[in-house]
Amino acid sequence: MSKLYFRYGAMNSGKSTNLLQVAHNYEERGMRVLILKPMTDTKGGDLLVSRLGVTRKADYLIHKDDNIYDLIDEWIKNNGQLHCLLVDEVQFLKAYQIDQLFMIACQLDIPVICYGLRTDFRMEGFEGSARLLLLAHSIEELKTICKCGKKAMLNGRKINGKFVFEGEQVAIESVGNIDYESLCPKCYFKYKKEAMESQD
């Protein structure tokens, strides 16, 4: 039986780069992969964009109402064997879509490798990630560092260069002067304290 994998990490930990490398490795051996990306992630449109500058078109943009199991089952009927399914920005999928990915691995015997964030800028979980933490056969952290040199675990949201700790969960990077920075817990709480003090 194939497995469902969840590879998570803070911003800038190389998730999309790792996904593109895995796709290349499969295809170099003559195997077929499909890449999925939630429509919620508008950065790059239908492209996966790595911070190293590598891009690739997603095979499917997934809407919140799409049944991924049916989509992949139909693709196999029309095209033949699929060797791996890769999902970028998986945190934006719905919990029931994670269940569908689990079924693809278990029932269609296709490895499903998911990449995404575990928590948002408020340290709250994403729906897709929370379900993956319960169902994934394998959970792996992709590591990166804070600018202070310590291991980054959290994501800081900046608007116009200033850290913010309130707002909607989903705000795509580079849209409306929004940027993200991976932070260690110590720096996260330092910036949060500074932001709270500036509001007083």
N, C-alpha and C. Protein backbone atom coordinates (compact mmCIF):
# COMPACT_ATOMS: atom_id res chain seq x y z
N MET A 1 0.83 -1.19 0.00
CA MET A 1 0.00 0.00 0.00
C MET A 1 0.87 1.25 0.00
N SER A 2 0.49 2.24 -0.81
CA SER A 2 1.21 3.51 -0.84
C SER A 2 0.84 4.35 0.37
N LYS A 3 1.58 5.43 0.58
CA LYS A 3 1.40 6.25 1.77
C LYS A 3 1.02 7.69 1.43
N LEU A 4 0.42 8.34 2.43
CA LEU A 4 0.14 9.77 2.40
C LEU A 4 1.22 10.46 3.23
N TYR A 5 1.94 11.38 2.62
CA TYR A 5 3.05 12.07 3.27
C TYR A 5 2.69 13.53 3.50
N PHE A 6 3.08 14.07 4.64
CA PHE A 6 2.93 15.49 4.91
C PHE A 6 4.29 16.06 5.24
N ARG A 7 4.79 16.93 4.36
CA ARG A 7 6.06 17.60 4.57
C ARG A 7 5.76 19.07 4.83
N TYR A 8 5.94 19.49 6.08
CA TYR A 8 5.57 20.84 6.47
C TYR A 8 6.80 21.63 6.87
N GLY A 9 6.65 22.93 6.85
CA GLY A 9 7.73 23.79 7.31
C GLY A 9 7.27 25.23 7.31
N ALA A 10 8.00 26.08 8.01
CA ALA A 10 7.71 27.51 8.01
C ALA A 10 7.97 28.08 6.61
N MET A 11 7.58 29.32 6.42
CA MET A 11 7.85 29.99 5.15
C MET A 11 9.36 29.91 4.86
N ASN A 12 9.70 29.82 3.60
CA ASN A 12 11.10 29.80 3.14
C ASN A 12 11.85 28.53 3.51
N SER A 13 11.14 27.45 3.79
CA SER A 13 11.83 26.21 4.14
C SER A 13 12.05 25.31 2.93
N GLY A 14 11.69 25.79 1.74
CA GLY A 14 11.98 25.04 0.52
C GLY A 14 10.94 24.01 0.14
N LYS A 15 9.69 24.21 0.56
CA LYS A 15 8.65 23.21 0.28
C LYS A 15 8.39 23.06 -1.21
N SER A 16 8.17 24.17 -1.91
CA SER A 16 7.89 24.08 -3.36
C SER A 16 9.11 23.59 -4.12
N THR A 17 10.29 24.00 -3.69
CA THR A 17 11.53 23.53 -4.33
C THR A 17 11.66 22.02 -4.18
N ASN A 18 11.37 21.51 -2.98
CA ASN A 18 11.43 20.07 -2.73
C ASN A 18 10.43 19.34 -3.59
N LEU A 19 9.21 19.87 -3.69
CA LEU A 19 8.17 19.25 -4.52
C LEU A 19 8.64 19.15 -5.98
N LEU A 20 9.18 20.24 -6.50
CA LEU A 20 9.63 20.25 -7.90
C LEU A 20 10.78 19.28 -8.12
N GLN A 21 11.64 19.12 -7.13
CA GLN A 21 12.74 18.15 -7.23
C GLN A 21 12.21 16.72 -7.25
N VAL A 22 11.21 16.44 -6.40
CA VAL A 22 10.60 15.10 -6.39
C VAL A 22 9.96 14.81 -7.74
N ALA A 23 9.24 15.78 -8.30
CA ALA A 23 8.62 15.60 -9.62
C ALA A 23 9.69 15.28 -10.67
N HIS A 24 10.78 16.03 -10.63
CA HIS A 24 11.88 15.81 -11.58
C HIS A 24 12.46 14.40 -11.43
N ASN A 25 12.64 13.96 -10.19
CA ASN A 25 13.22 12.63 -9.94
C ASN A 25 12.35 11.53 -10.53
N TYR A 26 11.04 11.62 -10.33
CA TYR A 26 10.12 10.62 -10.90
C TYR A 26 10.18 10.65 -12.43
N GLU A 27 10.08 11.85 -13.00
CA GLU A 27 10.01 11.98 -14.46
C GLU A 27 11.31 11.58 -15.13
N GLU A 28 12.43 11.79 -14.45
CA GLU A 28 13.73 11.39 -14.98
C GLU A 28 13.80 9.87 -15.16
N ARG A 29 12.99 9.15 -14.37
CA ARG A 29 12.94 7.69 -14.46
C ARG A 29 11.77 7.20 -15.30
N GLY A 30 11.17 8.10 -16.07
CA GLY A 30 10.10 7.73 -16.98
C GLY A 30 8.75 7.52 -16.30
N MET A 31 8.61 8.01 -15.06
CA MET A 31 7.36 7.85 -14.33
C MET A 31 6.50 9.11 -14.45
N ARG A 32 5.20 8.93 -14.24
CA ARG A 32 4.27 10.05 -14.40
C ARG A 32 3.79 10.58 -13.06
N VAL A 33 3.80 11.91 -12.94
CA VAL A 33 3.32 12.58 -11.73
C VAL A 33 2.27 13.62 -12.12
N LEU A 34 1.42 13.94 -11.17
CA LEU A 34 0.50 15.07 -11.31
C LEU A 34 0.74 16.01 -10.15
N ILE A 35 0.64 17.30 -10.42
CA ILE A 35 0.82 18.32 -9.39
C ILE A 35 -0.49 19.08 -9.21
N LEU A 36 -0.94 19.14 -7.96
CA LEU A 36 -2.16 19.86 -7.61
C LEU A 36 -1.82 21.08 -6.78
N LYS A 37 -2.65 22.11 -6.94
CA LYS A 37 -2.48 23.34 -6.17
C LYS A 37 -3.87 23.91 -5.88
N PRO A 38 -4.17 24.26 -4.63
CA PRO A 38 -5.47 24.86 -4.32
C PRO A 38 -5.64 26.21 -5.01
N MET A 39 -6.85 26.49 -5.47
CA MET A 39 -7.14 27.78 -6.12
C MET A 39 -6.98 28.94 -5.14
N THR A 40 -7.08 28.67 -3.84
CA THR A 40 -6.92 29.70 -2.82
C THR A 40 -5.58 30.39 -2.94
N ASP A 41 -4.56 29.63 -3.35
CA ASP A 41 -3.21 30.18 -3.49
C ASP A 41 -3.11 30.86 -4.86
N THR A 42 -3.35 32.17 -4.88
CA THR A 42 -3.35 32.91 -6.14
C THR A 42 -1.96 33.35 -6.57
N LYS A 43 -0.97 33.18 -5.69
CA LYS A 43 0.40 33.58 -6.05
C LYS A 43 0.88 32.74 -7.23
N GLY A 44 1.26 33.39 -8.30
CA GLY A 44 1.76 32.69 -9.47
C GLY A 44 0.67 32.15 -10.38
N GLY A 45 -0.60 32.40 -10.06
CA GLY A 45 -1.68 31.88 -10.90
C GLY A 45 -1.67 30.36 -10.89
N ASP A 46 -1.55 29.76 -12.07
CA ASP A 46 -1.53 28.29 -12.15
C ASP A 46 -0.11 27.73 -12.08
N LEU A 47 0.84 28.58 -11.70
CA LEU A 47 2.24 28.14 -11.59
C LEU A 47 2.62 27.88 -10.14
N LEU A 48 3.45 26.86 -9.93
CA LEU A 48 4.14 26.69 -8.66
C LEU A 48 5.39 27.56 -8.77
N VAL A 49 5.61 28.37 -7.76
CA VAL A 49 6.73 29.31 -7.80
C VAL A 49 7.66 29.02 -6.63
N SER A 50 8.86 28.57 -6.94
CA SER A 50 9.88 28.34 -5.92
C SER A 50 10.65 29.62 -5.69
N ARG A 51 11.10 29.83 -4.45
CA ARG A 51 11.88 31.03 -4.14
C ARG A 51 13.24 31.03 -4.85
N LEU A 52 13.64 29.88 -5.38
CA LEU A 52 14.89 29.82 -6.16
C LEU A 52 14.68 30.27 -7.59
N GLY A 53 13.42 30.59 -7.95
CA GLY A 53 13.12 31.07 -9.30
C GLY A 53 12.62 30.00 -10.24
N VAL A 54 12.54 28.74 -9.78
CA VAL A 54 12.04 27.65 -10.61
C VAL A 54 10.52 27.67 -10.59
N THR A 55 9.90 27.54 -11.74
CA THR A 55 8.44 27.51 -11.81
C THR A 55 7.99 26.30 -12.63
N ARG A 56 6.75 25.89 -12.40
CA ARG A 56 6.15 24.82 -13.17
C ARG A 56 4.64 24.95 -13.09
N LYS A 57 3.98 24.66 -14.19
CA LYS A 57 2.53 24.75 -14.23
C LYS A 57 1.91 23.59 -13.46
N ALA A 58 0.94 23.91 -12.62
CA ALA A 58 0.19 22.86 -11.92
C ALA A 58 -0.71 22.14 -12.92
N ASP A 59 -0.88 20.84 -12.73
CA ASP A 59 -1.76 20.08 -13.61
C ASP A 59 -3.23 20.36 -13.31
N TYR A 60 -3.53 20.60 -12.04
CA TYR A 60 -4.91 20.90 -11.63
C TYR A 60 -4.90 21.97 -10.55
N LEU A 61 -5.79 22.95 -10.70
CA LEU A 61 -6.08 23.90 -9.64
C LEU A 61 -7.33 23.39 -8.94
N ILE A 62 -7.24 23.18 -7.63
CA ILE A 62 -8.32 22.53 -6.89
C ILE A 62 -9.23 23.55 -6.21
N HIS A 63 -10.51 23.47 -6.54
CA HIS A 63 -11.54 24.29 -5.90
C HIS A 63 -11.98 23.59 -4.61
N LYS A 64 -12.50 24.36 -3.67
CA LYS A 64 -12.90 23.78 -2.38
C LYS A 64 -14.01 22.74 -2.50
N ASP A 65 -14.73 22.73 -3.61
CA ASP A 65 -15.80 21.74 -3.80
C ASP A 65 -15.37 20.53 -4.63
N ASP A 66 -14.14 20.53 -5.13
CA ASP A 66 -13.69 19.43 -5.99
C ASP A 66 -13.50 18.14 -5.19
N ASN A 67 -13.86 17.03 -5.80
CA ASN A 67 -13.58 15.71 -5.23
C ASN A 67 -12.28 15.22 -5.87
N ILE A 68 -11.20 15.27 -5.11
CA ILE A 68 -9.88 14.94 -5.66
C ILE A 68 -9.79 13.46 -6.01
N TYR A 69 -10.41 12.61 -5.21
CA TYR A 69 -10.38 11.17 -5.50
C TYR A 69 -11.00 10.90 -6.86
N ASP A 70 -12.17 11.46 -7.12
CA ASP A 70 -12.85 11.25 -8.41
C ASP A 70 -12.02 11.81 -9.55
N LEU A 71 -11.39 12.96 -9.32
CA LEU A 71 -10.56 13.60 -10.34
C LEU A 71 -9.40 12.70 -10.75
N ILE A 72 -8.71 12.14 -9.78
CA ILE A 72 -7.55 11.28 -10.05
C ILE A 72 -7.99 9.93 -10.63
N ASP A 73 -9.07 9.38 -10.11
CA ASP A 73 -9.60 8.12 -10.63
C ASP A 73 -9.95 8.26 -12.11
N GLU A 74 -10.56 9.37 -12.47
CA GLU A 74 -10.93 9.63 -13.87
C GLU A 74 -9.68 9.81 -14.73
N TRP A 75 -8.68 10.51 -14.19
CA TRP A 75 -7.43 10.72 -14.94
C TRP A 75 -6.78 9.37 -15.26
N ILE A 76 -6.75 8.47 -14.29
CA ILE A 76 -6.14 7.15 -14.49
C ILE A 76 -6.90 6.36 -15.55
N LYS A 77 -8.22 6.42 -15.51
CA LYS A 77 -9.03 5.71 -16.52
C LYS A 77 -8.74 6.21 -17.93
N ASN A 78 -8.46 7.50 -18.06
CA ASN A 78 -8.21 8.10 -19.38
C ASN A 78 -6.75 8.04 -19.81
N ASN A 79 -5.83 7.98 -18.86
CA ASN A 79 -4.40 8.13 -19.19
C ASN A 79 -3.51 6.98 -18.77
N GLY A 80 -4.00 6.09 -17.94
CA GLY A 80 -3.16 4.98 -17.51
C GLY A 80 -2.51 5.24 -16.17
N GLN A 81 -1.40 4.56 -15.91
CA GLN A 81 -0.79 4.56 -14.59
C GLN A 81 -0.28 5.93 -14.16
N LEU A 82 -0.50 6.24 -12.90
CA LEU A 82 0.06 7.43 -12.25
C LEU A 82 0.97 6.95 -11.13
N HIS A 83 2.19 7.49 -11.09
CA HIS A 83 3.18 7.00 -10.13
C HIS A 83 3.26 7.82 -8.84
N CYS A 84 2.85 9.09 -8.90
CA CYS A 84 2.92 9.92 -7.69
C CYS A 84 2.02 11.15 -7.86
N LEU A 85 1.37 11.52 -6.77
CA LEU A 85 0.56 12.74 -6.73
C LEU A 85 1.22 13.71 -5.76
N LEU A 86 1.48 14.93 -6.24
CA LEU A 86 2.15 15.95 -5.43
C LEU A 86 1.20 17.12 -5.22
N VAL A 87 1.11 17.60 -3.98
CA VAL A 87 0.18 18.68 -3.65
C VAL A 87 0.95 19.81 -2.98
N ASP A 88 0.87 21.01 -3.58
CA ASP A 88 1.52 22.18 -3.00
C ASP A 88 0.49 23.00 -2.22
N GLU A 89 0.95 23.75 -1.21
CA GLU A 89 0.08 24.61 -0.39
C GLU A 89 -1.13 23.83 0.14
N VAL A 90 -0.88 22.64 0.63
CA VAL A 90 -1.94 21.71 1.04
C VAL A 90 -2.78 22.25 2.20
N GLN A 91 -2.23 23.19 2.95
CA GLN A 91 -2.97 23.72 4.10
C GLN A 91 -4.31 24.34 3.70
N PHE A 92 -4.44 24.75 2.44
CA PHE A 92 -5.66 25.41 1.98
C PHE A 92 -6.77 24.43 1.58
N LEU A 93 -6.48 23.13 1.54
CA LEU A 93 -7.52 22.16 1.21
C LEU A 93 -8.46 21.96 2.40
N LYS A 94 -9.66 21.47 2.09
CA LYS A 94 -10.64 21.15 3.13
C LYS A 94 -10.30 19.80 3.75
N ALA A 95 -10.79 19.57 4.97
CA ALA A 95 -10.51 18.31 5.67
C ALA A 95 -10.99 17.11 4.86
N TYR A 96 -12.17 17.22 4.24
CA TYR A 96 -12.68 16.08 3.46
C TYR A 96 -11.84 15.82 2.21
N GLN A 97 -11.15 16.85 1.71
CA GLN A 97 -10.25 16.63 0.58
C GLN A 97 -8.98 15.91 1.03
N ILE A 98 -8.55 16.14 2.25
CA ILE A 98 -7.43 15.37 2.81
C ILE A 98 -7.84 13.91 2.93
N ASP A 99 -9.08 13.65 3.35
CA ASP A 99 -9.59 12.28 3.40
C ASP A 99 -9.53 11.63 2.02
N GLN A 100 -9.83 12.42 0.98
CA GLN A 100 -9.78 11.90 -0.39
C GLN A 100 -8.34 11.57 -0.80
N LEU A 101 -7.39 12.39 -0.39
CA LEU A 101 -5.98 12.09 -0.67
C LEU A 101 -5.55 10.81 0.05
N PHE A 102 -6.03 10.63 1.27
CA PHE A 102 -5.75 9.41 2.03
C PHE A 102 -6.30 8.18 1.29
N MET A 103 -7.50 8.32 0.74
CA MET A 103 -8.12 7.22 -0.03
C MET A 103 -7.33 6.92 -1.31
N ILE A 104 -6.80 7.97 -1.95
CA ILE A 104 -6.00 7.77 -3.17
C ILE A 104 -4.77 6.91 -2.84
N ALA A 105 -4.10 7.23 -1.73
CA ALA A 105 -2.93 6.45 -1.33
C ALA A 105 -3.32 5.02 -0.99
N CYS A 106 -4.40 4.85 -0.23
CA CYS A 106 -4.77 3.53 0.28
C CYS A 106 -5.51 2.66 -0.72
N GLN A 107 -6.39 3.26 -1.52
CA GLN A 107 -7.23 2.48 -2.42
C GLN A 107 -6.71 2.42 -3.85
N LEU A 108 -6.11 3.53 -4.32
CA LEU A 108 -5.56 3.53 -5.68
C LEU A 108 -4.07 3.19 -5.68
N ASP A 109 -3.47 3.05 -4.50
CA ASP A 109 -2.07 2.65 -4.34
C ASP A 109 -1.12 3.62 -5.04
N ILE A 110 -1.37 4.92 -4.84
CA ILE A 110 -0.52 5.97 -5.41
C ILE A 110 0.06 6.79 -4.27
N PRO A 111 1.38 6.94 -4.19
CA PRO A 111 1.96 7.81 -3.16
C PRO A 111 1.45 9.24 -3.33
N VAL A 112 1.05 9.86 -2.23
CA VAL A 112 0.57 11.24 -2.25
C VAL A 112 1.48 12.03 -1.31
N ILE A 113 2.21 13.00 -1.86
CA ILE A 113 3.15 13.78 -1.08
C ILE A 113 2.65 15.22 -1.03
N CYS A 114 2.35 15.68 0.19
CA CYS A 114 1.75 17.00 0.40
C CYS A 114 2.75 17.94 1.06
N TYR A 115 2.75 19.17 0.61
CA TYR A 115 3.64 20.20 1.16
C TYR A 115 2.81 21.39 1.62
N GLY A 116 3.13 21.91 2.81
CA GLY A 116 2.39 23.08 3.27
C GLY A 116 2.82 23.56 4.63
N LEU A 117 2.09 24.55 5.10
CA LEU A 117 2.31 25.13 6.43
C LEU A 117 1.53 24.33 7.46
N ARG A 118 2.06 24.29 8.67
CA ARG A 118 1.34 23.66 9.78
C ARG A 118 0.45 24.68 10.48
N THR A 119 0.99 25.89 10.68
CA THR A 119 0.23 26.94 11.38
C THR A 119 0.29 28.26 10.62
N ASP A 120 -0.66 29.14 10.93
CA ASP A 120 -0.69 30.46 10.30
C ASP A 120 0.09 31.47 11.15
N PHE A 121 -0.02 32.75 10.79
CA PHE A 121 0.75 33.80 11.47
C PHE A 121 0.26 34.06 12.90
N ARG A 122 -0.90 33.48 13.27
CA ARG A 122 -1.42 33.63 14.64
C ARG A 122 -1.15 32.38 15.48
N MET A 123 -0.40 31.44 14.93
CA MET A 123 -0.13 30.13 15.54
C MET A 123 -1.37 29.26 15.59
N GLU A 124 -2.33 29.51 14.71
CA GLU A 124 -3.53 28.69 14.59
C GLU A 124 -3.32 27.67 13.46
N GLY A 125 -3.96 26.52 13.59
CA GLY A 125 -3.82 25.50 12.57
C GLY A 125 -4.69 25.78 11.34
N PHE A 126 -4.25 25.29 10.20
CA PHE A 126 -5.07 25.31 8.99
C PHE A 126 -5.90 24.02 8.94
N GLU A 127 -7.07 24.10 8.32
CA GLU A 127 -7.95 22.93 8.25
C GLU A 127 -7.27 21.73 7.59
N GLY A 128 -6.66 21.97 6.43
CA GLY A 128 -6.02 20.86 5.72
C GLY A 128 -4.86 20.26 6.49
N SER A 129 -4.05 21.12 7.09
CA SER A 129 -2.89 20.64 7.85
C SER A 129 -3.31 19.87 9.09
N ALA A 130 -4.34 20.36 9.77
CA ALA A 130 -4.81 19.68 10.98
C ALA A 130 -5.27 18.26 10.66
N ARG A 131 -5.95 18.09 9.54
CA ARG A 131 -6.41 16.76 9.15
C ARG A 131 -5.23 15.87 8.75
N LEU A 132 -4.26 16.46 8.07
CA LEU A 132 -3.08 15.69 7.67
C LEU A 132 -2.29 15.19 8.88
N LEU A 133 -2.21 16.01 9.92
CA LEU A 133 -1.49 15.59 11.12
C LEU A 133 -2.15 14.38 11.76
N LEU A 134 -3.44 14.19 11.50
CA LEU A 134 -4.15 13.03 12.03
C LEU A 134 -4.04 11.80 11.12
N LEU A 135 -3.96 12.02 9.80
CA LEU A 135 -4.08 10.91 8.85
C LEU A 135 -2.79 10.49 8.15
N ALA A 136 -1.85 11.40 8.01
CA ALA A 136 -0.66 11.08 7.20
C ALA A 136 0.12 9.90 7.78
N HIS A 137 0.55 9.01 6.89
CA HIS A 137 1.40 7.89 7.30
C HIS A 137 2.78 8.39 7.74
N SER A 138 3.23 9.48 7.11
CA SER A 138 4.56 10.00 7.37
C SER A 138 4.49 11.52 7.48
N ILE A 139 5.08 12.07 8.55
CA ILE A 139 5.10 13.52 8.77
C ILE A 139 6.56 13.94 8.91
N GLU A 140 6.95 14.91 8.09
CA GLU A 140 8.36 15.33 8.07
C GLU A 140 8.43 16.85 8.09
N GLU A 141 9.30 17.38 8.92
CA GLU A 141 9.50 18.83 8.97
C GLU A 141 10.65 19.22 8.04
N LEU A 142 10.39 20.21 7.19
CA LEU A 142 11.44 20.82 6.37
C LEU A 142 11.91 22.05 7.14
N LYS A 143 13.17 22.09 7.45
CA LYS A 143 13.67 23.09 8.39
C LYS A 143 14.21 24.33 7.68
N THR A 144 14.08 25.47 8.37
CA THR A 144 14.72 26.71 7.94
C THR A 144 15.10 27.48 9.19
N ILE A 145 15.76 28.63 9.01
CA ILE A 145 16.23 29.38 10.17
C ILE A 145 15.64 30.78 10.20
N CYS A 146 15.51 31.28 11.40
CA CYS A 146 15.13 32.67 11.68
C CYS A 146 16.35 33.55 11.38
N LYS A 147 16.11 34.84 11.18
CA LYS A 147 17.26 35.71 10.90
C LYS A 147 18.22 35.82 12.08
N CYS A 148 17.77 35.39 13.28
CA CYS A 148 18.67 35.39 14.45
C CYS A 148 19.56 34.15 14.46
N GLY A 149 19.28 33.20 13.55
CA GLY A 149 20.11 32.00 13.46
C GLY A 149 19.51 30.76 14.08
N LYS A 150 18.44 30.92 14.88
CA LYS A 150 17.79 29.77 15.50
C LYS A 150 16.80 29.13 14.53
N LYS A 151 16.38 27.91 14.86
CA LYS A 151 15.42 27.20 14.03
C LYS A 151 14.09 27.96 13.98
N ALA A 152 13.59 28.21 12.77
CA ALA A 152 12.29 28.88 12.60
C ALA A 152 11.18 27.84 12.64
N MET A 153 10.17 28.13 13.45
CA MET A 153 8.99 27.25 13.56
C MET A 153 7.70 27.96 13.17
N LEU A 154 7.72 29.29 13.22
CA LEU A 154 6.50 30.08 13.08
C LEU A 154 6.59 31.03 11.90
N ASN A 155 5.43 31.57 11.51
CA ASN A 155 5.35 32.47 10.37
C ASN A 155 4.86 33.84 10.83
N GLY A 156 5.65 34.85 10.58
CA GLY A 156 5.25 36.22 10.90
C GLY A 156 4.71 36.90 9.67
N ARG A 157 3.56 37.56 9.82
CA ARG A 157 2.98 38.33 8.71
C ARG A 157 3.35 39.80 8.86
N LYS A 158 3.80 40.39 7.76
CA LYS A 158 4.12 41.82 7.73
C LYS A 158 3.20 42.53 6.74
N ILE A 159 2.71 43.68 7.16
CA ILE A 159 2.00 44.57 6.25
C ILE A 159 2.77 45.89 6.22
N ASN A 160 3.18 46.28 5.02
CA ASN A 160 4.03 47.48 4.86
C ASN A 160 5.26 47.41 5.76
N GLY A 161 5.83 46.21 5.89
CA GLY A 161 7.07 46.02 6.63
C GLY A 161 6.93 45.89 8.13
N LYS A 162 5.68 45.96 8.67
CA LYS A 162 5.48 45.85 10.11
C LYS A 162 4.74 44.56 10.44
N PHE A 163 5.20 43.86 11.48
CA PHE A 163 4.55 42.62 11.89
C PHE A 163 3.16 42.90 12.43
N VAL A 164 2.21 42.03 12.02
CA VAL A 164 0.84 42.08 12.53
C VAL A 164 0.47 40.70 13.06
N PHE A 165 -0.42 40.67 14.04
CA PHE A 165 -0.77 39.40 14.68
C PHE A 165 -2.28 39.18 14.74
N GLU A 166 -3.02 40.01 14.02
CA GLU A 166 -4.46 39.85 13.90
C GLU A 166 -4.85 39.99 12.45
N GLY A 167 -5.97 39.36 12.08
CA GLY A 167 -6.46 39.47 10.71
C GLY A 167 -6.95 38.13 10.20
N GLU A 168 -7.39 38.13 8.94
CA GLU A 168 -7.87 36.91 8.32
C GLU A 168 -6.74 35.89 8.20
N GLN A 169 -7.12 34.61 8.28
CA GLN A 169 -6.11 33.57 8.21
C GLN A 169 -5.38 33.58 6.87
N VAL A 170 -6.12 33.73 5.78
CA VAL A 170 -5.53 33.65 4.45
C VAL A 170 -5.31 35.04 3.88
N ALA A 171 -4.06 35.36 3.61
CA ALA A 171 -3.66 36.56 2.89
C ALA A 171 -2.41 36.18 2.12
N ILE A 172 -2.50 36.21 0.80
CA ILE A 172 -1.42 35.70 -0.03
C ILE A 172 -0.26 36.69 -0.10
N GLU A 173 0.93 36.15 -0.01
CA GLU A 173 2.15 36.95 -0.03
C GLU A 173 2.24 37.78 -1.30
N SER A 174 2.81 38.98 -1.16
CA SER A 174 3.04 39.92 -2.26
C SER A 174 1.76 40.52 -2.81
N VAL A 175 0.63 40.32 -2.13
CA VAL A 175 -0.63 40.94 -2.51
C VAL A 175 -0.98 41.96 -1.43
N GLY A 176 -1.15 43.26 -1.81
CA GLY A 176 -1.51 44.27 -0.82
C GLY A 176 -0.43 44.53 0.20
N ASN A 177 0.83 44.58 -0.23
CA ASN A 177 1.97 44.88 0.66
C ASN A 177 2.11 43.87 1.79
N ILE A 178 1.70 42.64 1.56
CA ILE A 178 1.82 41.59 2.57
C ILE A 178 3.03 40.73 2.29
N ASP A 179 3.83 40.50 3.32
CA ASP A 179 4.98 39.62 3.24
C ASP A 179 5.00 38.73 4.48
N TYR A 180 5.75 37.66 4.38
CA TYR A 180 5.88 36.74 5.51
C TYR A 180 7.34 36.50 5.82
N GLU A 181 7.61 36.23 7.08
CA GLU A 181 8.98 35.94 7.51
C GLU A 181 8.94 34.77 8.47
N SER A 182 9.81 33.80 8.25
CA SER A 182 9.88 32.66 9.17
C SER A 182 10.65 33.08 10.41
N LEU A 183 10.08 32.71 11.58
CA LEU A 183 10.62 33.18 12.86
C LEU A 183 10.79 32.03 13.84
N CYS A 184 11.80 32.14 14.71
CA CYS A 184 11.89 31.24 15.86
C CYS A 184 10.86 31.72 16.89
N PRO A 185 10.45 30.88 17.83
CA PRO A 185 9.47 31.31 18.83
C PRO A 185 9.90 32.55 19.62
N LYS A 186 11.17 32.65 19.98
CA LYS A 186 11.64 33.80 20.76
C LYS A 186 11.43 35.11 20.01
N CYS A 187 11.80 35.14 18.73
CA CYS A 187 11.63 36.36 17.94
C CYS A 187 10.14 36.63 17.69
N TYR A 188 9.36 35.57 17.48
CA TYR A 188 7.93 35.74 17.25
C TYR A 188 7.30 36.49 18.43
N PHE A 189 7.57 36.02 19.65
CA PHE A 189 6.97 36.65 20.82
C PHE A 189 7.54 38.05 21.08
N LYS A 190 8.79 38.26 20.70
CA LYS A 190 9.37 39.60 20.83
C LYS A 190 8.65 40.59 19.93
N TYR A 191 8.44 40.20 18.65
CA TYR A 191 7.75 41.09 17.72
C TYR A 191 6.29 41.27 18.10
N LYS A 192 5.68 40.22 18.64
CA LYS A 192 4.28 40.32 19.06
C LYS A 192 4.15 41.31 20.22
N LYS A 193 5.06 41.23 21.17
CA LYS A 193 5.05 42.16 22.30
C LYS A 193 5.24 43.60 21.83
N GLU A 194 6.17 43.79 20.89
CA GLU A 194 6.40 45.13 20.35
C GLU A 194 5.17 45.66 19.64
N ALA A 195 4.48 44.79 18.89
CA ALA A 195 3.28 45.20 18.16
C ALA A 195 2.17 45.59 19.14
N MET A 196 2.02 44.82 20.23
CA MET A 196 1.00 45.13 21.23
C MET A 196 1.31 46.43 21.95
N GLU A 197 2.58 46.66 22.26
CA GLU A 197 2.98 47.89 22.96
C GLU A 197 2.79 49.13 22.09
N SER A 198 2.96 48.96 20.78
CA SER A 198 2.80 50.12 19.87
C SER A 198 1.34 50.52 19.72
N GLN A 199 0.42 49.59 20.07
CA GLN A 199 -1.01 49.88 19.98
C GLN A 199 -1.51 50.60 21.23
N ASP A 200 -0.75 50.53 22.32
CA ASP A 200 -1.19 51.16 23.58
C ASP A 200 -1.07 52.67 23.54
